[in-house]
C-alpha atoms as a PDB file:
ATOM      1  CA  SER A   1     -97.975  83.407 -14.096  1.00  0.00           C
ATOM      2  CA  GLN A   2     -98.102  81.289 -11.355  1.00  0.00           C
ATOM      3  CA  THR A   3    -101.041  79.051 -12.739  1.00  0.00           C
ATOM      4  CA  ILE A   4     -99.684  79.231 -16.185  1.00  0.00           C
ATOM      5  CA  ARG A   5     -96.283  77.550 -15.081  1.00  0.00           C
ATOM      6  CA  LYS A   6     -98.263  75.184 -12.299  1.00  0.00           C
ATOM      7  CA  VAL A   7    -100.797  74.400 -15.200  1.00  0.00           C
ATOM      8  CA  LEU A   8     -97.565  73.570 -18.592  1.00  0.00           C
ATOM      9  CA  THR A   9     -95.667  71.610 -15.691  1.00  0.00           C
ATOM     10  CA  SER A  10     -98.231  69.102 -14.862  1.00  0.00           C
ATOM     11  CA  ILE A  11     -98.992  69.145 -19.219  1.00  0.00           C
ATOM     12  CA  LEU A  12     -94.970  68.547 -19.522  1.00  0.00           C
ATOM     13  CA  GLU A  13     -94.740  65.981 -16.458  1.00  0.00           C
ATOM     14  CA  GLN A  14     -97.114  63.648 -17.450  1.00  0.00           C
ATOM     15  CA  ASP A  15     -94.536  62.399 -19.989  1.00  0.00           C
ATOM     16  CA  PRO A  16     -92.574  59.983 -19.091  1.00  0.00           C
ATOM     17  CA  ASN A  17     -89.683  61.342 -20.648  1.00  0.00           C
ATOM     18  CA  ILE A  18     -90.475  64.491 -19.522  1.00  0.00           C
ATOM     19  CA  GLU A  19     -88.854  66.352 -16.267  1.00  0.00           C
ATOM     20  CA  VAL A  20     -89.728  69.276 -15.338  1.00  0.00           C
ATOM     21  CA  VAL A  21     -86.109  71.474 -14.039  1.00  0.00           C
ATOM     22  CA  GLY A  22     -87.505  74.075 -12.930  1.00  0.00           C
ATOM     23  CA  ALA A  23     -90.131  76.909 -13.468  1.00  0.00           C
ATOM     24  CA  LEU A  24     -89.204  80.597 -12.883  1.00  0.00           C
ATOM     25  CA  ASP A  25     -90.912  83.489 -12.232  1.00  0.00           C
ATOM     26  CA  LYS A  26     -88.969  86.448 -13.793  1.00  0.00           C
ATOM     27  CA  PRO A  27     -86.493  87.065 -17.139  1.00  0.00           C
ATOM     28  CA  SER A  28     -83.319  87.779 -14.545  1.00  0.00           C
ATOM     29  CA  LEU A  29     -83.448  84.409 -12.987  1.00  0.00           C
ATOM     30  CA  VAL A  30     -83.427  82.628 -16.426  1.00  0.00           C
ATOM     31  CA  GLU A  31     -79.296  82.839 -17.278  1.00  0.00           C
ATOM     32  CA  PRO A  32     -78.302  81.962 -13.897  1.00  0.00           C
ATOM     33  CA  PHE A  33     -80.602  78.663 -13.621  1.00  0.00           C
ATOM     34  CA  LEU A  34     -79.607  78.858 -16.854  1.00  0.00           C
ATOM     35  CA  GLN A  35     -75.361  78.467 -15.918  1.00  0.00           C
ATOM     36  CA  LYS A  36     -76.868  76.279 -13.442  1.00  0.00           C
ATOM     37  CA  VAL A  37     -78.368  73.838 -14.115  1.00  0.00           C
ATOM     38  CA  LYS A  38     -78.476  73.006 -17.926  1.00  0.00           C
ATOM     39  CA  PRO A  39     -81.820  71.569 -18.961  1.00  0.00           C
ATOM     40  CA  ASP A  40     -81.971  70.305 -22.276  1.00  0.00           C
ATOM     41  CA  VAL A  41     -85.276  72.752 -23.919  1.00  0.00           C
ATOM     42  CA  MET A  42     -87.032  75.746 -22.475  1.00  0.00           C
ATOM     43  CA  THR A  43     -90.295  77.385 -22.753  1.00  0.00           C
ATOM     44  CA  LEU A  44     -90.653  81.013 -22.612  1.00  0.00           C
ATOM     45  CA  ASP A  45     -94.234  83.127 -22.946  1.00  0.00           C
ATOM     46  CA  ILE A  46     -93.861  86.588 -25.038  1.00  0.00           C
ATOM     47  CA  HIS A  47     -95.838  88.416 -22.138  1.00  0.00           C
ATOM     48  CA  MET A  48     -93.558  88.248 -18.394  1.00  0.00           C
ATOM     49  CA  PRO A  49     -92.195  90.704 -16.024  1.00  0.00           C
ATOM     50  CA  GLU A  50     -89.186  92.673 -17.080  1.00  0.00           C
ATOM     51  CA  MET A  51     -89.196  91.635 -20.635  1.00  0.00           C
ATOM     52  CA  ASP A  52     -91.023  90.251 -22.981  1.00  0.00           C
ATOM     53  CA  GLY A  53     -89.647  86.511 -23.865  1.00  0.00           C
ATOM     54  CA  VAL A  54     -88.162  87.897 -27.437  1.00  0.00           C
ATOM     55  CA  THR A  55     -86.379  90.333 -25.801  1.00  0.00           C
ATOM     56  CA  LEU A  56     -84.697  86.701 -23.584  1.00  0.00           C
ATOM     57  CA  LEU A  57     -84.661  85.188 -26.021  1.00  0.00           C
ATOM     58  CA  LYS A  58     -82.868  87.995 -28.311  1.00  0.00           C
ATOM     59  CA  ARG A  59     -80.422  88.323 -25.245  1.00  0.00           C
ATOM     60  CA  LEU A  60     -79.888  83.815 -24.467  1.00  0.00           C
ATOM     61  CA  ALA A  61     -79.300  82.577 -28.244  1.00  0.00           C
ATOM     62  CA  PRO A  62     -76.307  83.689 -28.751  1.00  0.00           C
ATOM     63  CA  ARG A  63     -75.181  82.488 -25.969  1.00  0.00           C
ATOM     64  CA  TYR A  64     -76.760  78.770 -25.155  1.00  0.00           C
ATOM     65  CA  SER A  65     -77.660  76.639 -27.789  1.00  0.00           C
ATOM     66  CA  ILE A  66     -80.758  75.514 -25.927  1.00  0.00           C
ATOM     67  CA  PRO A  67     -84.336  74.342 -28.165  1.00  0.00           C
ATOM     68  CA  THR A  68     -86.647  77.153 -27.335  1.00  0.00           C
ATOM     69  CA  ILE A  69     -90.628  76.696 -28.114  1.00  0.00           C
ATOM     70  CA  MET A  70     -92.891  79.796 -27.412  1.00  0.00           C
ATOM     71  CA  ILE A  71     -96.282  79.564 -25.687  1.00  0.00           C
ATOM     72  CA  SER A  72     -98.362  82.324 -25.143  1.00  0.00           C
ATOM     73  CA  SER A  73    -101.987  82.889 -25.921  1.00  0.00           C
ATOM     74  CA  ILE A  74    -102.063  84.537 -29.158  1.00  0.00           C
ATOM     75  CA  THR A  75    -103.826  87.488 -30.665  1.00  0.00           C
ATOM     76  CA  LYS A  76    -103.822  89.329 -33.201  1.00  0.00           C
ATOM     77  CA  GLU A  77    -101.430  92.034 -31.676  1.00  0.00           C
ATOM     78  CA  ASP A  78     -99.051  89.078 -30.783  1.00  0.00           C
ATOM     79  CA  GLY A  79     -98.725  87.930 -34.156  1.00  0.00           C
ATOM     80  CA  PRO A  80     -95.595  90.085 -34.457  1.00  0.00           C
ATOM     81  CA  TYR A  81     -93.966  88.829 -31.508  1.00  0.00           C
ATOM     82  CA  VAL A  82     -94.416  85.247 -32.603  1.00  0.00           C
ATOM     83  CA  PHE A  83     -92.032  85.600 -36.047  1.00  0.00           C
ATOM     84  CA  GLU A  84     -89.959  88.128 -33.966  1.00  0.00           C
ATOM     85  CA  ALA A  85     -89.052  84.731 -31.978  1.00  0.00           C
ATOM     86  CA  LEU A  86     -88.810  82.030 -34.996  1.00  0.00           C
ATOM     87  CA  GLU A  87     -86.865  84.556 -36.618  1.00  0.00           C
ATOM     88  CA  ASN A  88     -84.505  84.739 -33.439  1.00  0.00           C
ATOM     89  CA  GLY A  89     -84.405  80.725 -32.626  1.00  0.00           C
ATOM     90  CA  ALA A  90     -87.741  79.887 -31.658  1.00  0.00           C
ATOM     91  CA  LEU A  91     -88.657  76.003 -32.683  1.00  0.00           C
ATOM     92  CA  ASP A  92     -92.305  76.665 -32.581  1.00  0.00           C
END
């Protein structure tokens, strides 16, 4: 959500070594952004519009060597998604 993106951006930018170069609201915008900006690290949420973060990670991981951190509120039902994300390249 827009609120969570703003909160995460605010938290991350408190570290002077981190620059947030984008916060996208739809997975369909991610690949063109990666091609243009080439960020050092990417965060994804398990729950996103259009597709879940694990599906997006599976699509991107073979083409982009970018460390990815999955960010999500974890419920008991989300547990399998977390492990699947880790199995498909997420670092944490």
